[in-house]
């Protein structure tokens, strides 16, 4: 399966939706814990009663090179996995939960009307080069996020922050500063919103608004900052980033300690080798060469489908596997633009898209993935608030090649046509591509496959010119809007809305739901959105995931999360235990 992108930076989260508006003067003073509490193996955290061992290193495999190191730019799980080790946000999630706690903000207050957030920053925090972190660093990063002309490319996350007062004016070039953001002193950041937004605090847990060092960024430039010149306050600093390897080393200036007062991180070094051969990745882990496999590294559900039978049928390996449901969905996207590269696009015809939906057999994809995935028929995971249990009859698609052929005939394509299909060049992705190609051939459509690197794939699909593609979404924060508003609102095209879908009625429903405090009313609107997008056959949903983490017995302090990436600052190694 392909590497999904978020998230999430991730940027990712739990099953529930925040059902009530933040009210009163809420204060959160919890700090991230560094303890290593013992829990039974296989339930989400590695077991260890030993004292953490400082030092040492681990080696990991990743299926694709890191496309982006700049937290303002990174919006895929591969980049997020590495970036989260280097950068930190105002808030984060507590270990293995969807509870928001302070990160670089030690505490924060929310006004009674839900529109003003005051963050009290930790004092004494430094970037890995020794420069002190201040509240102005977040203002600098927010202005980068909202600079639509930033070179070499603007942030894909700007829309998450346009509810901040003055953000739209700054984004449009009508203001030189963001009026809703202020810094009363070096350790206080105030953010004012135009409207209360129940999930705003979880947007801030995403990596976009991380602390970055203005002096460093201005010195090296945006292009270098996005490739091999990272500088953050996180537990690790970047030593190397190439197409073949990423090397992280301990940040000597990291602020966080564990509950016993030990300096984090425990590890001195993390080496991540880029290897697109997932079978080889599994073999490396089975041989003990790599510390763990995870969804953020290996892609998809974290375990190569080819290795699933071997690992899960082996008593030796199975006991080392931890599982966690992931709010992640895969889909085949169908570009709705009238023309692509100057040529008429058959996919702009709704009957053609519906024909493709009727011509798709989900069971084949489940079989290719050895049963590790769950077939999905709509744009939300079954585990997320807002999922529609019973779609409208005209929004459901069963496998019916005869009906698909009839729809193509009605659309004016009795003899079919040819489309271009984009995906990553990974083992299971190729098998899925070939299966899809055969399904479409069965109804008269010829599919030209373009299987490329993760970076080239992102560049193509986010340009808006990929005619069709295999894609996926892993939630950034626990709310249906992160899927529906991000992926179907016309104002998100083409960076997130890869299909260039534009339906004024859907936009209206999405925009209304964004700021509703009543959960049932939001669910009603989102149900309308889901049924309409399925009726319009913008996507062919394929499957959703369970996450598998395969963790060596000598790796301690590891825990799973569908909210955060792998917790490398808490990991320690001891081959003797």
Protein backbone atom coordinates (compact mmCIF):
# COMPACT_ATOMS: atom_id res chain seq x y z
CA UNK A 1 0.00 0.00 0.00
CA UNK A 2 1.12 3.57 -0.43
CA UNK A 3 2.48 6.00 2.13
CA UNK A 4 -0.40 8.19 3.23
CA UNK A 5 0.04 11.81 3.97
CA UNK A 6 -1.50 13.92 6.57
CA UNK A 7 -0.85 14.43 9.18
CA UNK A 8 -0.38 14.83 10.59
CA UNK A 9 2.28 16.02 10.35
CA UNK A 10 0.67 15.27 11.87
CA UNK A 11 -0.36 15.29 12.89
CA UNK A 12 -3.06 12.69 13.42
CA UNK A 13 -5.48 11.94 16.27
CA UNK A 14 -8.10 9.87 18.04
CA UNK A 15 -11.58 8.58 17.40
CA UNK A 16 -13.70 11.23 19.06
CA UNK A 17 -14.72 14.69 17.95
CA UNK A 18 -14.50 17.61 20.38
CA UNK A 19 -18.21 18.02 21.06
CA UNK A 20 -18.27 21.22 23.12
CA UNK A 21 -16.82 24.68 22.78
CA UNK A 22 -14.00 25.61 25.13
CA UNK A 23 -15.56 27.85 27.74
CA UNK A 24 -14.51 29.67 30.87
CA UNK A 25 -10.87 30.19 31.71
CA UNK A 26 -9.33 26.83 30.87
CA UNK A 27 -5.75 26.22 31.95
CA UNK A 28 -3.55 23.31 31.05
CA UNK A 29 -0.37 23.00 33.03
CA UNK A 30 0.56 19.42 32.25
CA UNK A 31 4.03 18.73 30.91
CA UNK A 32 4.91 15.85 28.60
CA UNK A 33 5.86 12.89 30.75
CA UNK A 34 9.15 11.15 30.37
CA UNK A 35 8.28 8.16 32.55
CA UNK A 36 8.46 4.60 31.31
CA UNK A 37 5.42 2.99 32.87
CA UNK A 38 5.17 -0.75 32.36
CA UNK A 39 2.18 -2.15 30.49
CA UNK A 40 1.50 -5.58 29.03
CA UNK A 41 3.17 -6.27 25.70
CA UNK A 42 0.98 -5.68 22.66
CA UNK A 43 -1.32 -3.11 24.26
CA UNK A 44 0.40 0.01 23.06
CA UNK A 45 3.59 0.38 25.10
CA UNK A 46 6.73 -1.69 25.52
CA UNK A 47 7.23 -3.30 28.90
CA UNK A 48 10.26 -2.58 31.05
CA UNK A 49 10.94 -2.46 34.76
CA UNK A 50 14.56 -1.42 34.22
CA UNK A 51 16.09 1.99 34.65
CA UNK A 52 16.45 3.80 31.31
CA UNK A 53 19.86 3.43 29.72
CA UNK A 54 21.31 6.62 28.31
CA UNK A 55 23.27 6.61 25.07
CA UNK A 56 23.31 4.15 22.22
CA UNK A 57 21.77 4.34 18.78
CA UNK A 58 19.16 2.69 16.60
CA UNK A 59 18.82 2.04 12.88
CA UNK A 60 15.51 2.21 11.03
CA UNK A 61 14.26 1.73 7.48
CA UNK A 62 11.93 4.14 5.71
CA UNK A 63 10.32 3.51 2.35
CA UNK A 64 10.79 6.98 0.89
CA UNK A 65 13.21 9.90 1.17
CA UNK A 66 12.04 12.92 3.20
CA UNK A 67 10.45 15.45 0.81
CA UNK A 68 10.38 18.42 3.20
CA UNK A 69 12.23 19.40 6.37
CA UNK A 70 10.62 22.82 6.81
CA UNK A 71 7.72 22.46 9.29
CA UNK A 72 5.80 25.16 7.41
CA UNK A 73 5.96 23.03 4.27
CA UNK A 74 5.97 19.42 5.44
CA UNK A 75 2.55 17.84 5.06
CA UNK A 76 3.24 14.14 4.64
CA UNK A 77 3.88 11.37 7.11
CA UNK A 78 7.46 10.67 6.06
CA UNK A 79 8.46 14.30 6.60
CA UNK A 80 6.43 14.45 9.80
CA UNK A 81 8.09 11.38 11.30
CA UNK A 82 11.49 13.04 11.00
CA UNK A 83 10.36 16.62 11.58
CA UNK A 84 8.68 15.81 14.86
CA UNK A 85 12.03 14.72 16.26
CA UNK A 86 13.53 18.13 15.40
CA UNK A 87 10.72 20.63 15.95
CA UNK A 88 8.15 21.29 18.67
CA UNK A 89 4.81 23.08 18.75
CA UNK A 90 3.00 25.06 21.42
CA UNK A 91 0.99 22.03 22.51
CA UNK A 92 1.12 18.30 21.93
CA UNK A 93 -0.69 15.10 22.95
CA UNK A 94 -0.06 13.19 26.14
CA UNK A 95 1.46 9.74 25.73
CA UNK A 96 -0.77 7.37 23.80
CA UNK A 97 -3.89 9.55 24.24
CA UNK A 98 -5.74 12.34 22.46
CA UNK A 99 -5.42 14.64 25.49
CA UNK A 100 -3.80 17.99 24.67
CA UNK A 101 -0.99 19.07 26.99
CA UNK A 102 1.56 21.85 26.92
CA UNK A 103 4.73 21.41 24.89
CA UNK A 104 6.69 24.63 24.33
CA UNK A 105 3.78 26.35 26.04
CA UNK A 106 3.95 25.30 29.68
CA UNK A 107 0.37 26.47 30.24
CA UNK A 108 -2.34 28.13 28.19
CA UNK A 109 -5.62 29.96 28.89
CA UNK A 110 -8.75 30.18 26.75
CA UNK A 111 -11.15 33.11 27.13
CA UNK A 112 -14.81 32.51 28.04
CA UNK A 113 -15.93 33.33 24.48
CA UNK A 114 -13.47 30.82 23.03
CA UNK A 115 -11.76 33.44 20.85
CA UNK A 116 -8.57 34.35 22.73
CA UNK A 117 -5.77 31.92 23.50
CA UNK A 118 -2.90 32.98 25.76
CA UNK A 119 0.18 30.77 25.81
CA UNK A 120 2.75 30.98 28.59
CA UNK A 121 5.99 29.64 27.13
CA UNK A 122 8.61 27.61 28.91
CA UNK A 123 11.61 29.65 29.94
CA UNK A 124 15.14 28.60 29.17
CA UNK A 125 14.29 26.67 25.98
CA UNK A 126 16.97 26.89 23.30
CA UNK A 127 17.32 25.86 19.69
CA UNK A 128 19.92 23.19 19.08
CA UNK A 129 22.43 25.91 18.08
CA UNK A 130 21.99 27.58 21.47
CA UNK A 131 19.80 30.51 20.37
CA UNK A 132 17.02 31.22 22.91
CA UNK A 133 13.40 30.53 21.95
CA UNK A 134 10.99 33.47 22.33
CA UNK A 135 7.35 34.20 21.55
CA UNK A 136 8.42 36.16 18.46
CA UNK A 137 9.66 32.93 16.89
CA UNK A 138 6.06 31.74 16.60
CA UNK A 139 4.98 35.03 15.03
CA UNK A 140 7.80 34.66 12.51
CA UNK A 141 6.69 31.13 11.65
CA UNK A 142 3.01 32.12 11.40
CA UNK A 143 3.93 34.86 8.92
CA UNK A 144 5.82 32.26 6.88
CA UNK A 145 2.76 30.00 6.98
CA UNK A 146 0.54 32.80 5.71
CA UNK A 147 2.91 34.07 3.02
CA UNK A 148 1.29 32.75 -0.15
CA UNK A 149 4.29 33.94 -2.16
CA UNK A 150 6.91 32.22 -0.03
CA UNK A 151 9.67 30.72 -2.15
CA UNK A 152 10.51 28.11 -3.27
CA UNK A 153 6.95 27.07 -2.35
CA UNK A 154 4.23 28.32 -0.01
CA UNK A 155 2.85 26.42 2.95
CA UNK A 156 0.04 23.92 2.24
CA UNK A 157 -1.22 24.53 5.79
CA UNK A 158 -2.15 28.20 5.52
CA UNK A 159 -5.89 27.53 5.45
CA UNK A 160 -5.78 26.01 8.92
CA UNK A 161 -4.83 29.42 10.35
CA UNK A 162 -7.07 31.85 8.44
CA UNK A 163 -9.51 32.09 11.37
CA UNK A 164 -6.85 34.04 13.28
CA UNK A 165 -7.83 37.71 13.32
CA UNK A 166 -5.96 39.55 10.58
CA UNK A 167 -4.63 36.35 8.99
CA UNK A 168 -6.70 36.68 5.82
CA UNK A 169 -5.61 40.30 5.31
CA UNK A 170 -1.97 39.31 5.74
CA UNK A 171 -2.40 36.35 3.39
CA UNK A 172 -4.00 38.60 0.77
CA UNK A 173 -1.15 41.10 1.04
CA UNK A 174 -3.38 43.81 2.49
CA UNK A 175 -1.56 43.99 5.84
CA UNK A 176 2.10 43.83 6.82
CA UNK A 177 1.43 42.06 10.12
CA UNK A 178 -1.17 39.74 11.63
CA UNK A 179 -3.30 41.91 13.89
CA UNK A 180 -4.67 39.01 15.97
CA UNK A 181 -1.27 37.89 17.25
CA UNK A 182 0.73 39.65 19.93
CA UNK A 183 3.69 39.03 22.25
CA UNK A 184 3.33 40.99 25.51
CA UNK A 185 6.78 39.66 26.49
CA UNK A 186 9.31 37.08 25.36
CA UNK A 187 7.42 34.25 27.01
CA UNK A 188 3.80 35.13 26.27
CA UNK A 189 1.97 34.59 22.98
CA UNK A 190 -1.62 35.75 22.47
CA UNK A 191 -3.73 34.55 19.53
CA UNK A 192 -7.17 36.00 18.80
CA UNK A 193 -9.70 34.28 16.53
CA UNK A 194 -12.47 35.78 14.39
CA UNK A 195 -14.80 32.96 15.47
CA UNK A 196 -14.66 30.33 18.22
CA UNK A 197 -13.25 27.14 16.73
CA UNK A 198 -13.69 24.07 18.91
CA UNK A 199 -10.67 22.22 17.48
CA UNK A 200 -8.27 25.18 17.15
CA UNK A 201 -6.07 23.94 19.99
CA UNK A 202 -5.56 20.68 18.08
CA UNK A 203 -4.58 22.59 14.96
CA UNK A 204 -1.79 24.07 17.07
CA UNK A 205 -0.59 20.54 17.88
CA UNK A 206 0.18 20.09 14.19
CA UNK A 207 3.81 20.78 13.21
CA UNK A 208 3.08 23.79 10.99
CA UNK A 209 3.34 26.36 13.79
CA UNK A 210 6.52 24.97 15.30
CA UNK A 211 9.20 27.16 16.86
CA UNK A 212 11.83 28.03 14.25
CA UNK A 213 14.90 30.24 14.65
CA UNK A 214 14.40 33.41 12.53
CA UNK A 215 18.13 34.23 12.44
CA UNK A 216 18.96 30.74 11.20
CA UNK A 217 16.18 30.63 8.58
CA UNK A 218 17.12 34.04 7.22
CA UNK A 219 20.77 33.01 7.09
CA UNK A 220 20.39 29.70 5.20
CA UNK A 221 17.28 30.58 3.16
CA UNK A 222 14.00 28.73 2.71
CA UNK A 223 15.29 26.26 0.12
CA UNK A 224 18.10 24.95 2.35
CA UNK A 225 15.83 25.04 5.40
CA UNK A 226 13.49 22.67 3.58
CA UNK A 227 16.22 20.18 2.66
CA UNK A 228 19.28 19.80 4.88
CA UNK A 229 19.59 22.82 7.18
CA UNK A 230 17.08 22.15 9.97
CA UNK A 231 17.13 23.99 13.29
CA UNK A 232 14.57 23.33 16.02
CA UNK A 233 14.08 22.93 19.76
CA UNK A 234 13.24 19.20 19.58
CA UNK A 235 15.07 16.23 21.12
CA UNK A 236 17.23 15.64 18.05
CA UNK A 237 19.08 17.75 15.51
CA UNK A 238 19.62 16.95 11.87
CA UNK A 239 23.08 15.74 10.93
CA UNK A 240 22.26 14.48 7.44
CA UNK A 241 19.35 14.32 5.01
CA UNK A 242 19.88 12.76 1.60
CA UNK A 243 17.93 10.63 -0.83
CA UNK A 244 19.45 7.53 0.77
CA UNK A 245 19.74 8.32 4.48
CA UNK A 246 18.66 10.57 7.35
CA UNK A 247 20.83 10.87 10.45
CA UNK A 248 19.59 12.46 13.68
CA UNK A 249 21.80 13.12 16.70
CA UNK A 250 20.99 14.12 20.25
CA UNK A 251 20.23 17.81 20.75
CA UNK A 252 22.63 18.88 23.55
CA UNK A 253 20.37 21.83 24.39
CA UNK A 254 17.08 19.93 24.70
CA UNK A 255 14.95 21.19 27.58
CA UNK A 256 12.96 18.11 28.60
CA UNK A 257 13.83 15.60 31.32
CA UNK A 258 12.07 12.42 32.36
CA UNK A 259 10.26 11.96 35.67
CA UNK A 260 13.52 10.90 37.34
CA UNK A 261 15.38 13.99 36.17
CA UNK A 262 17.30 12.26 33.36
CA UNK A 263 18.01 14.38 30.31
CA UNK A 264 16.07 13.41 27.20
CA UNK A 265 16.49 11.98 24.66
CA UNK A 266 18.20 8.82 25.84
CA UNK A 267 19.55 7.90 22.40
CA UNK A 268 22.64 9.54 20.96
CA UNK A 269 21.86 8.78 17.34
CA UNK A 270 19.10 7.61 15.00
CA UNK A 271 20.02 6.45 11.49
CA UNK A 272 17.17 6.08 9.01
CA UNK A 273 18.01 4.32 5.76
CA UNK A 274 15.82 4.94 2.71
CA UNK A 275 14.81 1.62 1.21
CA UNK A 276 11.77 1.30 -1.06
CA UNK A 277 11.88 -2.51 -0.94
CA UNK A 278 9.39 -3.27 1.82
CA UNK A 279 10.24 -6.98 1.79
CA UNK A 280 13.84 -6.08 2.54
CA UNK A 281 12.63 -3.71 5.28
CA UNK A 282 10.78 -6.61 6.91
CA UNK A 283 13.81 -8.88 6.59
CA UNK A 284 16.04 -6.27 8.25
CA UNK A 285 13.66 -6.13 11.20
CA UNK A 286 13.29 -9.90 11.44
CA UNK A 287 17.10 -10.18 11.53
CA UNK A 288 17.30 -7.59 14.31
CA UNK A 289 19.08 -4.98 12.19
CA UNK A 290 16.39 -2.34 12.71
CA UNK A 291 14.72 -1.29 15.95
CA UNK A 292 11.12 -1.14 14.81
CA UNK A 293 8.73 -0.86 11.87
CA UNK A 294 5.86 1.62 12.07
CA UNK A 295 3.17 3.13 9.82
CA UNK A 296 5.09 6.39 9.69
CA UNK A 297 8.25 4.69 8.40
CA UNK A 298 7.18 1.70 6.36
CA UNK A 299 3.96 3.27 5.10
CA UNK A 300 0.36 2.19 5.17
CA UNK A 301 -0.33 0.10 8.24
CA UNK A 302 3.34 -0.24 9.21
CA UNK A 303 3.82 -3.87 8.23
CA UNK A 304 4.60 -4.85 4.64
CA UNK A 305 1.67 -6.93 3.44
CA UNK A 306 4.05 -9.52 2.04
CA UNK A 307 5.54 -10.00 5.53
CA UNK A 308 2.24 -10.06 7.41
CA UNK A 309 1.69 -13.84 7.26
CA UNK A 310 5.27 -14.59 8.33
CA UNK A 311 5.28 -12.17 11.25
CA UNK A 312 1.77 -12.77 12.56
CA UNK A 313 2.07 -16.57 12.29
CA UNK A 314 5.38 -16.65 14.14
CA UNK A 315 5.22 -16.89 17.96
CA UNK A 316 8.64 -15.23 18.07
CA UNK A 317 7.60 -12.18 16.05
CA UNK A 318 3.90 -11.87 16.87
CA UNK A 319 4.55 -11.08 20.53
CA UNK A 320 6.62 -8.07 19.40
CA UNK A 321 3.74 -6.53 17.43
CA UNK A 322 1.59 -3.75 18.87
CA UNK A 323 -1.61 -2.57 17.20
CA UNK A 324 -3.54 0.68 17.19
CA UNK A 325 -6.58 1.64 15.05
CA UNK A 326 -5.64 4.42 12.64
CA UNK A 327 -8.00 7.12 11.43
CA UNK A 328 -6.62 6.80 7.94
CA UNK A 329 -8.38 6.17 4.65
CA UNK A 330 -7.20 5.32 1.14
CA UNK A 331 -8.94 6.35 -2.02
CA UNK A 332 -8.65 6.63 -5.78
CA UNK A 333 -9.06 10.29 -6.68
CA UNK A 334 -10.69 11.34 -9.97
CA UNK A 335 -9.76 14.81 -11.21
CA UNK A 336 -12.90 16.80 -12.07
CA UNK A 337 -11.20 19.54 -14.14
CA UNK A 338 -12.68 20.10 -17.61
CA UNK A 339 -9.26 19.97 -19.23
CA UNK A 340 -5.87 18.62 -18.17
CA UNK A 341 -2.74 19.74 -19.97
CA UNK A 342 -4.94 21.39 -22.61
CA UNK A 343 -6.88 18.21 -23.40
CA UNK A 344 -10.55 17.43 -22.57
CA UNK A 345 -10.83 15.37 -19.41
CA UNK A 346 -13.42 12.54 -19.53
CA UNK A 347 -13.39 12.40 -15.73
CA UNK A 348 -15.13 15.77 -15.59
CA UNK A 349 -18.30 13.86 -16.52
CA UNK A 350 -20.03 12.55 -13.38
CA UNK A 351 -21.35 9.47 -15.18
CA UNK A 352 -17.81 8.51 -16.12
CA UNK A 353 -16.72 8.80 -12.48
CA UNK A 354 -19.71 6.77 -11.37
CA UNK A 355 -18.82 4.14 -13.95
CA UNK A 356 -15.33 3.85 -12.46
CA UNK A 357 -16.88 3.47 -9.00
CA UNK A 358 -19.12 0.65 -10.20
CA UNK A 359 -16.18 -0.95 -11.99
CA UNK A 360 -14.03 -1.10 -8.85
CA UNK A 361 -13.84 -4.29 -6.75
CA UNK A 362 -12.59 -3.50 -3.21
CA UNK A 363 -12.18 -7.15 -2.34
CA UNK A 364 -9.18 -7.34 -4.66
CA UNK A 365 -7.34 -4.65 -2.72
CA UNK A 366 -8.12 -6.41 0.57
CA UNK A 367 -6.73 -9.64 -0.87
CA UNK A 368 -3.57 -7.91 -2.13
CA UNK A 369 -2.98 -6.62 1.39
CA UNK A 370 -3.44 -10.11 2.91
CA UNK A 371 -6.55 -9.03 4.78
CA UNK A 372 -4.76 -6.42 6.89
CA UNK A 373 -7.02 -3.59 5.66
CA UNK A 374 -10.73 -2.91 6.07
CA UNK A 375 -12.80 -2.07 2.96
CA UNK A 376 -14.21 1.45 3.11
CA UNK A 377 -17.09 2.96 1.14
CA UNK A 378 -16.99 6.63 2.16
CA UNK A 379 -14.52 9.46 2.93
CA UNK A 380 -14.51 9.06 6.73
CA UNK A 381 -13.05 6.19 8.79
CA UNK A 382 -15.65 4.16 10.65
CA UNK A 383 -13.94 5.15 13.92
CA UNK A 384 -14.49 8.89 13.52
CA UNK A 385 -17.44 10.96 14.73
CA UNK A 386 -19.61 11.83 11.71
CA UNK A 387 -19.26 8.52 9.88
CA UNK A 388 -22.50 7.73 8.02
CA UNK A 389 -23.63 4.19 8.76
CA UNK A 390 -26.24 4.15 6.00
CA UNK A 391 -25.46 6.10 2.85
CA UNK A 392 -28.25 7.26 0.57
CA UNK A 393 -29.06 4.63 -2.11
CA UNK A 394 -27.65 6.79 -4.92
CA UNK A 395 -24.41 7.30 -2.96
CA UNK A 396 -23.64 3.58 -2.71
CA UNK A 397 -21.61 1.66 -5.28
CA UNK A 398 -21.48 -2.10 -5.56
CA UNK A 399 -19.19 -3.94 -7.96
CA UNK A 400 -21.25 -3.94 -11.19
CA UNK A 401 -19.21 -3.93 -14.44
CA UNK A 402 -22.34 -4.10 -16.58
CA UNK A 403 -23.74 -0.94 -15.01
CA UNK A 404 -20.32 0.70 -15.39
CA UNK A 405 -20.33 -0.01 -19.14
CA UNK A 406 -23.85 1.34 -19.47
CA UNK A 407 -22.90 4.59 -17.72
CA UNK A 408 -19.89 5.01 -20.03
CA UNK A 409 -22.20 4.57 -23.01
CA UNK A 410 -24.61 7.19 -21.62
CA UNK A 411 -21.67 9.54 -21.06
CA UNK A 412 -20.70 9.27 -24.72
CA UNK A 413 -17.80 6.84 -24.36
CA UNK A 414 -19.12 3.49 -25.65
CA UNK A 415 -15.60 2.55 -26.72
CA UNK A 416 -13.90 3.83 -23.59
CA UNK A 417 -10.89 6.15 -23.37
CA UNK A 418 -7.43 6.40 -21.81
CA UNK A 419 -6.49 8.04 -18.49
CA UNK A 420 -3.24 8.62 -16.60
CA UNK A 421 -2.98 7.21 -13.09
CA UNK A 422 -0.34 8.28 -10.54
CA UNK A 423 1.01 6.36 -7.57
CA UNK A 424 4.21 5.65 -5.68
CA UNK A 425 6.74 3.11 -6.84
CA UNK A 426 6.28 0.62 -3.99
CA UNK A 427 5.77 -3.13 -4.10
CA UNK A 428 2.17 -3.35 -2.93
CA UNK A 429 1.25 -0.09 -4.66
CA UNK A 430 2.30 -1.65 -7.96
CA UNK A 431 0.11 -4.69 -7.31
CA UNK A 432 -2.85 -2.44 -6.51
CA UNK A 433 -2.17 -0.37 -9.62
CA UNK A 434 -2.17 -3.45 -11.81
CA UNK A 435 -5.40 -4.66 -10.24
CA UNK A 436 -7.05 -1.28 -10.83
CA UNK A 437 -5.73 -1.23 -14.38
CA UNK A 438 -7.30 -4.65 -15.03
CA UNK A 439 -10.63 -3.61 -13.46
CA UNK A 440 -10.81 -0.56 -15.69
CA UNK A 441 -9.83 -2.54 -18.78
CA UNK A 442 -12.78 -4.81 -17.99
CA UNK A 443 -15.17 -1.86 -18.46
CA UNK A 444 -13.33 -0.35 -21.44
CA UNK A 445 -10.99 2.20 -19.85
CA UNK A 446 -7.24 2.06 -20.54
CA UNK A 447 -5.09 3.16 -17.59
CA UNK A 448 -1.55 4.44 -18.12
CA UNK A 449 0.40 3.92 -14.90
CA UNK A 450 2.91 6.47 -13.58
CA UNK A 451 4.74 5.02 -10.58
CA UNK A 452 7.22 7.51 -9.14
CA UNK A 453 9.05 8.50 -5.96
CA UNK A 454 7.13 9.89 -3.00
CA UNK A 455 8.51 13.37 -3.62
CA UNK A 456 7.66 13.34 -7.33
CA UNK A 457 4.25 11.90 -6.53
CA UNK A 458 3.47 14.74 -4.10
CA UNK A 459 4.68 17.34 -6.60
CA UNK A 460 2.42 15.93 -9.31
CA UNK A 461 -0.78 15.39 -7.38
CA UNK A 462 -0.54 18.70 -5.50
CA UNK A 463 -0.15 20.55 -8.79
CA UNK A 464 -3.74 19.68 -9.65
CA UNK A 465 -2.78 18.10 -12.96
CA UNK A 466 -2.81 14.42 -12.01
CA UNK A 467 -5.76 12.99 -13.92
CA UNK A 468 -6.29 10.20 -11.41
CA UNK A 469 -4.29 9.00 -8.44
CA UNK A 470 -4.08 6.59 -5.55
CA UNK A 471 -3.99 8.70 -2.41
CA UNK A 472 -4.81 8.64 1.26
CA UNK A 473 -5.39 10.80 4.29
CA UNK A 474 -4.40 10.35 7.90
CA UNK A 475 -6.09 12.79 10.23
CA UNK A 476 -4.32 15.87 11.53
CA UNK A 477 -6.68 16.34 14.46
CA UNK A 478 -9.77 14.48 15.72
CA UNK A 479 -12.56 16.12 13.77
CA UNK A 480 -14.47 15.23 10.62
CA UNK A 481 -13.65 18.64 9.17
CA UNK A 482 -10.03 17.61 8.80
CA UNK A 483 -11.14 15.05 6.23
CA UNK A 484 -14.16 16.68 4.65
CA UNK A 485 -13.35 20.39 4.66
CA UNK A 486 -9.69 19.82 3.84
CA UNK A 487 -10.26 17.35 1.02
CA UNK A 488 -13.49 18.55 -0.63
CA UNK A 489 -13.77 22.32 -0.11
CA UNK A 490 -13.00 24.11 -3.36
CA UNK A 491 -10.76 26.56 -1.48
CA UNK A 492 -8.43 23.63 -0.73
CA UNK A 493 -7.72 22.83 -4.40
CA UNK A 494 -5.32 21.64 -5.58
CA UNK A 495 -2.87 21.17 -2.68
CA UNK A 496 -5.28 19.16 -0.51
CA UNK A 497 -8.37 18.83 -2.69
CA UNK A 498 -6.41 16.86 -5.29
CA UNK A 499 -9.46 16.23 -7.50
CA UNK A 500 -10.25 19.95 -7.95
CA UNK A 501 -13.79 19.17 -6.81
CA UNK A 502 -16.01 22.25 -6.70
CA UNK A 503 -19.64 22.11 -5.59
CA UNK A 504 -21.08 25.39 -4.20
CA UNK A 505 -23.64 23.53 -2.09
CA UNK A 506 -20.97 21.30 -0.57
CA UNK A 507 -18.79 24.37 0.10
CA UNK A 508 -21.72 26.02 1.88
CA UNK A 509 -22.32 23.00 4.11
CA UNK A 510 -18.63 22.70 4.91
CA UNK A 511 -18.26 26.39 5.72
CA UNK A 512 -21.30 26.31 8.02
CA UNK A 513 -20.08 23.22 9.85
CA UNK A 514 -16.61 24.65 10.47
CA UNK A 515 -17.70 26.86 13.36
CA UNK A 516 -20.76 25.07 14.70
CA UNK A 517 -20.63 24.23 18.39
CA UNK A 518 -23.54 21.77 18.25
CA UNK A 519 -22.10 18.34 17.39
CA UNK A 520 -25.38 16.86 16.12
CA UNK A 521 -25.96 19.77 13.75
CA UNK A 522 -22.42 19.42 12.43
CA UNK A 523 -22.93 15.69 11.94
CA UNK A 524 -26.10 16.38 9.95
CA UNK A 525 -24.27 18.74 7.60
CA UNK A 526 -21.30 16.41 7.26
CA UNK A 527 -23.67 13.55 6.38
CA UNK A 528 -24.99 15.71 3.53
CA UNK A 529 -21.43 16.37 2.39
CA UNK A 530 -20.52 12.68 2.45
CA UNK A 531 -23.60 11.62 0.50
CA UNK A 532 -23.15 14.36 -2.09
CA UNK A 533 -19.46 13.72 -2.69
CA UNK A 534 -20.18 10.01 -3.08
CA UNK A 535 -23.08 10.83 -5.41
CA UNK A 536 -20.66 12.93 -7.45
CA UNK A 537 -18.13 10.04 -7.36
CA UNK A 538 -15.20 12.34 -6.69
CA UNK A 539 -13.43 9.50 -4.95
CA UNK A 540 -13.52 5.74 -5.08
CA UNK A 541 -12.84 4.94 -1.39
CA UNK A 542 -10.77 1.77 -1.12
CA UNK A 543 -9.89 0.87 2.49
CA UNK A 544 -8.95 2.06 5.96
CA UNK A 545 -6.19 0.90 8.25
CA UNK A 546 -5.20 -0.74 11.45
CA UNK A 547 -1.71 0.25 12.49
CA UNK A 548 0.94 -2.34 13.28
CA UNK A 549 4.16 -1.54 15.14
CA UNK A 550 6.82 -4.26 15.17
CA UNK A 551 9.21 -3.40 18.01
CA UNK A 552 12.34 -5.30 19.04
CA UNK A 553 12.38 -6.67 22.60
CA UNK A 554 15.50 -4.63 23.39
CA UNK A 555 13.72 -1.36 22.55
CA UNK A 556 12.18 0.20 25.67
CA UNK A 557 9.94 3.19 26.32
CA UNK A 558 8.15 2.79 23.01
CA UNK A 559 4.40 3.43 22.80
CA UNK A 560 1.91 3.56 19.95
CA UNK A 561 -0.33 6.47 19.07
CA UNK A 562 -2.72 7.39 16.29
CA UNK A 563 -2.17 11.02 17.26
CA UNK A 564 1.61 11.40 17.34
CA UNK A 565 4.57 10.00 15.48
CA UNK A 566 7.09 7.56 16.93
CA UNK A 567 8.32 8.76 20.35
CA UNK A 568 12.05 8.63 19.74
CA UNK A 569 12.89 10.98 22.63
CA UNK A 570 11.57 8.37 25.09
CA UNK A 571 13.17 5.31 23.49
CA UNK A 572 16.15 3.61 25.10
CA UNK A 573 17.91 0.40 24.17
CA UNK A 574 19.29 -2.40 26.29
CA UNK A 575 20.08 -5.67 24.48
CA UNK A 576 20.34 -7.42 27.85
CA UNK A 577 16.69 -6.81 28.78
